PDB file of N, CA and C in Angstrom:
ATOM      1  N   UNK A   1     -15.502  13.948 -20.987  1.00  0.00           N
ATOM      2  CA  UNK A   1     -16.500  14.823 -20.338  1.00  0.00           C
ATOM      3  C   UNK A   1     -16.280  15.212 -19.056  1.00  0.00           C
ATOM      4  N   UNK A   2     -15.992  16.341 -18.531  1.00  0.00           N
ATOM      5  CA  UNK A   2     -15.665  16.780 -17.134  1.00  0.00           C
ATOM      6  C   UNK A   2     -16.913  17.466 -16.365  1.00  0.00           C
ATOM      7  N   UNK A   3     -17.029  16.877 -15.335  1.00  0.00           N
ATOM      8  CA  UNK A   3     -18.277  17.389 -14.144  1.00  0.00           C
ATOM      9  C   UNK A   3     -17.640  17.086 -12.759  1.00  0.00           C
ATOM     10  N   UNK A   4     -18.285  17.756 -12.176  1.00  0.00           N
ATOM     11  CA  UNK A   4     -17.982  17.556 -10.671  1.00  0.00           C
ATOM     12  C   UNK A   4     -19.152  16.820  -9.995  1.00  0.00           C
ATOM     13  N   UNK A   5     -18.874  16.018  -9.044  1.00  0.00           N
ATOM     14  CA  UNK A   5     -19.707  15.128  -8.161  1.00  0.00           C
ATOM     15  C   UNK A   5     -19.697  15.423  -6.733  1.00  0.00           C
ATOM     16  N   UNK A   6     -20.887  15.921  -6.658  1.00  0.00           N
ATOM     17  CA  UNK A   6     -21.207  16.365  -5.177  1.00  0.00           C
ATOM     18  C   UNK A   6     -21.538  15.135  -4.185  1.00  0.00           C
ATOM     19  N   UNK A   7     -20.655  14.923  -3.269  1.00  0.00           N
ATOM     20  CA  UNK A   7     -20.831  13.926  -2.366  1.00  0.00           C
ATOM     21  C   UNK A   7     -19.491  13.836  -1.421  1.00  0.00           C
ATOM     22  N   UNK A   8     -19.686  12.661  -0.715  1.00  0.00           N
ATOM     23  CA  UNK A   8     -18.381  12.547   0.141  1.00  0.00           C
ATOM     24  C   UNK A   8     -17.589  11.212  -0.125  1.00  0.00           C
ATOM     25  N   UNK A   9     -16.176  11.626  -0.527  1.00  0.00           N
ATOM     26  CA  UNK A   9     -15.294  10.581  -0.867  1.00  0.00           C
ATOM     27  C   UNK A   9     -14.834   9.530   0.359  1.00  0.00           C
ATOM     28  N   UNK A  10     -14.533   8.261  -0.004  1.00  0.00           N
ATOM     29  CA  UNK A  10     -14.184   7.490   1.132  1.00  0.00           C
ATOM     30  C   UNK A  10     -12.963   6.535   0.545  1.00  0.00           C
ATOM     31  N   UNK A  11     -11.901   6.112   1.472  1.00  0.00           N
ATOM     32  CA  UNK A  11     -10.824   5.468   0.885  1.00  0.00           C
ATOM     33  C   UNK A  11     -11.368   3.888   0.297  1.00  0.00           C
ATOM     34  N   UNK A  12     -12.224   3.484   0.956  1.00  0.00           N
ATOM     35  CA  UNK A  12     -12.572   2.119   0.353  1.00  0.00           C
ATOM     36  C   UNK A  12     -14.070   1.926  -0.037  1.00  0.00           C
ATOM     37  N   UNK A  13     -14.466   1.035  -0.820  1.00  0.00           N
ATOM     38  CA  UNK A  13     -15.925   0.657  -1.006  1.00  0.00           C
ATOM     39  C   UNK A  13     -16.500   0.386   0.087  1.00  0.00           C
ATOM     40  N   UNK A  14     -16.061  -0.421   1.098  1.00  0.00           N
ATOM     41  CA  UNK A  14     -16.684  -0.948   2.188  1.00  0.00           C
ATOM     42  C   UNK A  14     -16.839   0.280   3.119  1.00  0.00           C
ATOM     43  N   UNK A  15     -16.063   1.243   3.379  1.00  0.00           N
ATOM     44  CA  UNK A  15     -16.329   2.281   4.044  1.00  0.00           C
ATOM     45  C   UNK A  15     -17.501   3.178   3.542  1.00  0.00           C
ATOM     46  N   UNK A  16     -17.612   3.151   2.283  1.00  0.00           N
ATOM     47  CA  UNK A  16     -18.608   4.025   1.840  1.00  0.00           C
ATOM     48  C   UNK A  16     -20.098   3.369   1.930  1.00  0.00           C
ATOM     49  N   UNK A  17     -20.120   1.886   1.740  1.00  0.00           N
ATOM     50  CA  UNK A  17     -21.388   1.405   1.974  1.00  0.00           C
ATOM     51  C   UNK A  17     -21.736   1.417   3.447  1.00  0.00           C
ATOM     52  N   UNK A  18     -20.714   1.110   4.311  1.00  0.00           N
ATOM     53  CA  UNK A  18     -21.023   1.114   5.837  1.00  0.00           C
ATOM     54  C   UNK A  18     -21.600   2.608   6.190  1.00  0.00           C
ATOM     55  N   UNK A  19     -21.142   3.892   5.472  1.00  0.00           N
ATOM     56  CA  UNK A  19     -21.724   5.019   5.842  1.00  0.00           C
ATOM     57  C   UNK A  19     -22.982   5.170   5.571  1.00  0.00           C
ATOM     58  N   UNK A  20     -23.459   4.674   4.277  1.00  0.00           N
ATOM     59  CA  UNK A  20     -24.805   4.710   4.010  1.00  0.00           C
ATOM     60  C   UNK A  20     -25.872   3.840   4.903  1.00  0.00           C
ATOM     61  N   UNK A  21     -25.119   2.621   5.380  1.00  0.00           N
ATOM     62  CA  UNK A  21     -26.057   1.919   6.175  1.00  0.00           C
ATOM     63  C   UNK A  21     -26.237   2.755   7.768  1.00  0.00           C
ATOM     64  N   UNK A  22     -25.023   3.347   8.096  1.00  0.00           N
ATOM     65  CA  UNK A  22     -24.983   3.991   9.469  1.00  0.00           C
ATOM     66  C   UNK A  22     -26.002   5.198   9.473  1.00  0.00           C
ATOM     67  N   UNK A  23     -25.857   5.972   8.566  1.00  0.00           N
ATOM     68  CA  UNK A  23     -26.490   7.242   8.336  1.00  0.00           C
ATOM     69  C   UNK A  23     -27.955   7.197   7.763  1.00  0.00           C
ATOM     70  N   UNK A  24     -28.414   5.947   7.260  1.00  0.00           N
ATOM     71  CA  UNK A  24     -29.583   5.841   6.672  1.00  0.00           C
ATOM     72  C   UNK A  24     -29.930   6.555   5.273  1.00  0.00           C
ATOM     73  N   UNK A  25     -28.846   6.969   4.615  1.00  0.00           N
ATOM     74  CA  UNK A  25     -29.278   7.976   3.650  1.00  0.00           C
ATOM     75  C   UNK A  25     -28.023   7.852   2.644  1.00  0.00           C
ATOM     76  N   UNK A  26     -28.369   8.263   1.400  1.00  0.00           N
ATOM     77  CA  UNK A  26     -27.304   8.406   0.451  1.00  0.00           C
ATOM     78  C   UNK A  26     -27.202   7.203  -0.311  1.00  0.00           C
ATOM     79  N   UNK A  27     -26.434   7.080  -1.378  1.00  0.00           N
ATOM     80  CA  UNK A  27     -26.142   5.712  -2.164  1.00  0.00           C
ATOM     81  C   UNK A  27     -24.495   5.749  -2.210  1.00  0.00           C
ATOM     82  N   UNK A  28     -24.076   4.569  -2.141  1.00  0.00           N
ATOM     83  CA  UNK A  28     -22.538   4.219  -2.123  1.00  0.00           C
ATOM     84  C   UNK A  28     -22.401   4.029  -3.756  1.00  0.00           C
ATOM     85  N   UNK A  29     -21.221   4.860  -4.375  1.00  0.00           N
ATOM     86  CA  UNK A  29     -21.027   4.603  -5.879  1.00  0.00           C
ATOM     87  C   UNK A  29     -19.593   4.556  -6.034  1.00  0.00           C
ATOM     88  N   UNK A  30     -19.171   4.003  -7.296  1.00  0.00           N
ATOM     89  CA  UNK A  30     -17.761   4.196  -7.641  1.00  0.00           C
ATOM     90  C   UNK A  30     -17.823   4.904  -8.849  1.00  0.00           C
ATOM     91  N   UNK A  31     -17.121   5.965  -9.084  1.00  0.00           N
ATOM     92  CA  UNK A  31     -16.906   6.692 -10.243  1.00  0.00           C
ATOM     93  C   UNK A  31     -15.566   7.224 -10.489  1.00  0.00           C
ATOM     94  N   UNK A  32     -15.142   6.981 -11.671  1.00  0.00           N
ATOM     95  CA  UNK A  32     -13.600   7.658 -12.090  1.00  0.00           C
ATOM     96  C   UNK A  32     -12.422   7.223 -10.819  1.00  0.00           C
ATOM     97  N   UNK A  33     -12.704   5.805 -10.431  1.00  0.00           N
ATOM     98  CA  UNK A  33     -11.752   5.441  -9.211  1.00  0.00           C
ATOM     99  C   UNK A  33     -11.978   5.765  -8.053  1.00  0.00           C
ATOM    100  N   UNK A  34     -13.030   6.488  -7.643  1.00  0.00           N
ATOM    101  CA  UNK A  34     -13.374   7.144  -6.372  1.00  0.00           C
ATOM    102  C   UNK A  34     -14.591   6.434  -5.675  1.00  0.00           C
ATOM    103  N   UNK A  35     -14.504   5.987  -4.493  1.00  0.00           N
ATOM    104  CA  UNK A  35     -15.562   5.574  -3.659  1.00  0.00           C
ATOM    105  C   UNK A  35     -16.419   6.749  -3.087  1.00  0.00           C
ATOM    106  N   UNK A  36     -17.597   6.830  -3.456  1.00  0.00           N
ATOM    107  CA  UNK A  36     -18.301   8.117  -2.967  1.00  0.00           C
ATOM    108  C   UNK A  36     -19.731   7.883  -2.311  1.00  0.00           C
ATOM    109  N   UNK A  37     -20.108   8.558  -1.486  1.00  0.00           N
ATOM    110  CA  UNK A  37     -21.557   8.393  -1.196  1.00  0.00           C
ATOM    111  C   UNK A  37     -22.193   9.696  -1.436  1.00  0.00           C
ATOM    112  N   UNK A  38     -23.467   9.588  -2.298  1.00  0.00           N
ATOM    113  CA  UNK A  38     -24.083  10.723  -3.123  1.00  0.00           C
ATOM    114  C   UNK A  38     -25.769  10.587  -2.631  1.00  0.00           C
ATOM    115  N   UNK A  39     -26.242  11.535  -2.847  1.00  0.00           N
ATOM    116  CA  UNK A  39     -27.734  11.702  -2.715  1.00  0.00           C
ATOM    117  C   UNK A  39     -28.295  11.045  -3.853  1.00  0.00           C
ATOM    118  N   UNK A  40     -29.504  10.740  -3.985  1.00  0.00           N
ATOM    119  CA  UNK A  40     -30.272  10.170  -5.144  1.00  0.00           C
ATOM    120  C   UNK A  40     -30.423  11.303  -6.392  1.00  0.00           C
ATOM    121  N   UNK A  41     -30.777  12.401  -5.990  1.00  0.00           N
ATOM    122  CA  UNK A  41     -30.652  13.364  -6.989  1.00  0.00           C
ATOM    123  C   UNK A  41     -29.466  13.639  -7.737  1.00  0.00           C
ATOM    124  N   UNK A  42     -28.357  13.401  -7.040  1.00  0.00           N
ATOM    125  CA  UNK A  42     -26.973  13.671  -7.597  1.00  0.00           C
ATOM    126  C   UNK A  42     -26.760  12.359  -8.538  1.00  0.00           C
ATOM    127  N   UNK A  43     -27.163  11.093  -8.220  1.00  0.00           N
ATOM    128  CA  UNK A  43     -27.200  10.062  -8.993  1.00  0.00           C
ATOM    129  C   UNK A  43     -27.866  10.109 -10.322  1.00  0.00           C
ATOM    130  N   UNK A  44     -29.190  10.562  -9.984  1.00  0.00           N
ATOM    131  CA  UNK A  44     -29.885  10.736 -11.209  1.00  0.00           C
ATOM    132  C   UNK A  44     -29.441  11.879 -12.272  1.00  0.00           C
ATOM    133  N   UNK A  45     -28.820  12.785 -11.727  1.00  0.00           N
ATOM    134  CA  UNK A  45     -28.116  13.775 -12.593  1.00  0.00           C
ATOM    135  C   UNK A  45     -26.728  13.237 -13.407  1.00  0.00           C
ATOM    136  N   UNK A  46     -26.035  12.470 -12.733  1.00  0.00           N
ATOM    137  CA  UNK A  46     -25.010  11.936 -13.175  1.00  0.00           C
ATOM    138  C   UNK A  46     -25.392  11.037 -14.369  1.00  0.00           C
ATOM    139  N   UNK A  47     -26.203   9.956 -13.977  1.00  0.00           N
ATOM    140  CA  UNK A  47     -26.856   9.219 -14.874  1.00  0.00           C
ATOM    141  C   UNK A  47     -27.622   9.842 -16.266  1.00  0.00           C
ATOM    142  N   UNK A  48     -28.147  10.956 -16.107  1.00  0.00           N
ATOM    143  CA  UNK A  48     -28.841  11.693 -17.099  1.00  0.00           C
ATOM    144  C   UNK A  48     -27.622  12.309 -17.933  1.00  0.00           C
ATOM    145  N   UNK A  49     -26.351  12.555 -17.437  1.00  0.00           N
ATOM    146  CA  UNK A  49     -25.488  13.106 -18.279  1.00  0.00           C
ATOM    147  C   UNK A  49     -24.693  12.108 -19.137  1.00  0.00           C
ATOM    148  N   UNK A  50     -25.096  10.675 -18.914  1.00  0.00           N
ATOM    149  CA  UNK A  50     -24.605   9.575 -19.596  1.00  0.00           C
ATOM    150  C   UNK A  50     -23.218   9.235 -18.836  1.00  0.00           C
ATOM    151  N   UNK A  51     -22.673   9.641 -17.955  1.00  0.00           N
ATOM    152  CA  UNK A  51     -21.401   9.210 -17.118  1.00  0.00           C
ATOM    153  C   UNK A  51     -21.684   7.711 -16.621  1.00  0.00           C
ATOM    154  N   UNK A  52     -20.742   6.985 -16.861  1.00  0.00           N
ATOM    155  CA  UNK A  52     -20.550   5.593 -16.322  1.00  0.00           C
ATOM    156  C   UNK A  52     -20.036   5.601 -14.910  1.00  0.00           C
ATOM    157  N   UNK A  53     -20.847   4.853 -14.057  1.00  0.00           N
ATOM    158  CA  UNK A  53     -20.650   4.921 -12.701  1.00  0.00           C
ATOM    159  C   UNK A  53     -21.146   3.467 -12.313  1.00  0.00           C
ATOM    160  N   UNK A  54     -20.992   3.090 -10.996  1.00  0.00           N
ATOM    161  CA  UNK A  54     -21.738   1.855 -10.545  1.00  0.00           C
ATOM    162  C   UNK A  54     -22.078   1.972  -9.149  1.00  0.00           C
ATOM    163  N   UNK A  55     -23.279   1.599  -8.645  1.00  0.00           N
ATOM    164  CA  UNK A  55     -23.646   1.548  -7.266  1.00  0.00           C
ATOM    165  C   UNK A  55     -23.005   0.369  -6.572  1.00  0.00           C
ATOM    166  N   UNK A  56     -22.621   0.635  -5.463  1.00  0.00           N
ATOM    167  CA  UNK A  56     -22.051  -0.508  -4.487  1.00  0.00           C
ATOM    168  C   UNK A  56     -22.936  -0.828  -3.622  1.00  0.00           C
ATOM    169  N   UNK A  57     -22.841  -2.116  -3.443  1.00  0.00           N
ATOM    170  CA  UNK A  57     -23.782  -2.766  -2.499  1.00  0.00           C
ATOM    171  C   UNK A  57     -23.195  -4.080  -1.892  1.00  0.00           C
ATOM    172  N   UNK A  58     -23.983  -4.651  -0.789  1.00  0.00           N
ATOM    173  CA  UNK A  58     -23.353  -5.607  -0.198  1.00  0.00           C
ATOM    174  C   UNK A  58     -24.410  -7.022  -0.552  1.00  0.00           C
ATOM    175  N   UNK A  59     -23.732  -8.245  -0.920  1.00  0.00           N
ATOM    176  CA  UNK A  59     -24.509  -9.234  -1.222  1.00  0.00           C
ATOM    177  C   UNK A  59     -24.414 -10.350  -0.277  1.00  0.00           C
ATOM    178  N   UNK A  60     -25.284 -10.693   0.400  1.00  0.00           N
ATOM    179  CA  UNK A  60     -25.167 -11.830   1.513  1.00  0.00           C
ATOM    180  C   UNK A  60     -25.387 -13.201   0.779  1.00  0.00           C
ATOM    181  N   UNK A  61     -24.530 -14.126   1.003  1.00  0.00           N
ATOM    182  CA  UNK A  61     -24.137 -15.289   0.234  1.00  0.00           C
ATOM    183  C   UNK A  61     -24.666 -16.358   1.233  1.00  0.00           C
ATOM    184  N   UNK A  62     -24.958 -17.700   0.671  1.00  0.00           N
ATOM    185  CA  UNK A  62     -25.607 -18.492   1.327  1.00  0.00           C
ATOM    186  C   UNK A  62     -24.880 -19.105   2.423  1.00  0.00           C
ATOM    187  N   UNK A  63     -23.463 -18.958   2.222  1.00  0.00           N
ATOM    188  CA  UNK A  63     -22.685 -19.529   3.520  1.00  0.00           C
ATOM    189  C   UNK A  63     -22.429 -18.400   4.561  1.00  0.00           C
ATOM    190  N   UNK A  64     -23.168 -17.292   4.572  1.00  0.00           N
ATOM    191  CA  UNK A  64     -23.301 -16.484   5.620  1.00  0.00           C
ATOM    192  C   UNK A  64     -22.212 -15.233   5.383  1.00  0.00           C
ATOM    193  N   UNK A  65     -21.261 -15.448   4.566  1.00  0.00           N
ATOM    194  CA  UNK A  65     -20.396 -14.174   4.070  1.00  0.00           C
ATOM    195  C   UNK A  65     -20.856 -13.294   3.112  1.00  0.00           C
ATOM    196  N   UNK A  66     -20.297 -12.217   2.922  1.00  0.00           N
ATOM    197  CA  UNK A  66     -20.951 -11.153   2.280  1.00  0.00           C
ATOM    198  C   UNK A  66     -19.916 -10.785   1.267  1.00  0.00           C
ATOM    199  N   UNK A  67     -20.252 -10.271  -0.099  1.00  0.00           N
ATOM    200  CA  UNK A  67     -19.450  -9.650  -1.082  1.00  0.00           C
ATOM    201  C   UNK A  67     -19.957  -8.228  -1.392  1.00  0.00           C
ATOM    202  N   UNK A  68     -18.837  -7.462  -1.820  1.00  0.00           N
ATOM    203  CA  UNK A  68     -19.442  -6.250  -2.416  1.00  0.00           C
ATOM    204  C   UNK A  68     -19.609  -6.461  -3.935  1.00  0.00           C
ATOM    205  N   UNK A  69     -20.816  -5.898  -4.290  1.00  0.00           N
ATOM    206  CA  UNK A  69     -21.146  -6.069  -5.805  1.00  0.00           C
ATOM    207  C   UNK A  69     -21.171  -4.718  -6.281  1.00  0.00           C
ATOM    208  N   UNK A  70     -20.998  -4.562  -7.511  1.00  0.00           N
ATOM    209  CA  UNK A  70     -21.265  -3.331  -8.359  1.00  0.00           C
ATOM    210  C   UNK A  70     -22.513  -3.580  -9.265  1.00  0.00           C
ATOM    211  N   UNK A  71     -23.055  -2.448  -9.379  1.00  0.00           N
ATOM    212  CA  UNK A  71     -24.342  -2.309 -10.434  1.00  0.00           C
ATOM    213  C   UNK A  71     -24.130  -1.232 -11.437  1.00  0.00           C
ATOM    214  N   UNK A  72     -23.474  -1.545 -12.598  1.00  0.00           N
ATOM    215  CA  UNK A  72     -23.223  -0.591 -13.555  1.00  0.00           C
ATOM    216  C   UNK A  72     -24.269   0.252 -13.980  1.00  0.00           C
ATOM    217  N   UNK A  73     -24.041   1.561 -14.320  1.00  0.00           N
ATOM    218  CA  UNK A  73     -25.089   2.541 -14.922  1.00  0.00           C
ATOM    219  C   UNK A  73     -24.235   3.167 -16.060  1.00  0.00           C
ATOM    220  N   UNK A  74     -25.085   3.186 -17.135  1.00  0.00           N
ATOM    221  CA  UNK A  74     -24.554   3.576 -18.289  1.00  0.00           C
ATOM    222  C   UNK A  74     -23.535   3.064 -18.959  1.00  0.00           C
TER     223      UNK A  74
END
């Protein structure tokens, strides 16, 4: 399945997540090996197509450190 994803690509997962935190908008995702920030409507469209991707988020651990975790879709 080929389709275009409308969003901004970042070199790392962390940079994508930090962009969403700093801007207060969008969702950080990983799709086809790319780290991107996309809007909710675009995430909904991709999910409706049945494409596999994952949301990226930070998880705060009890020891005070953080980890990047993925939440798979489809």
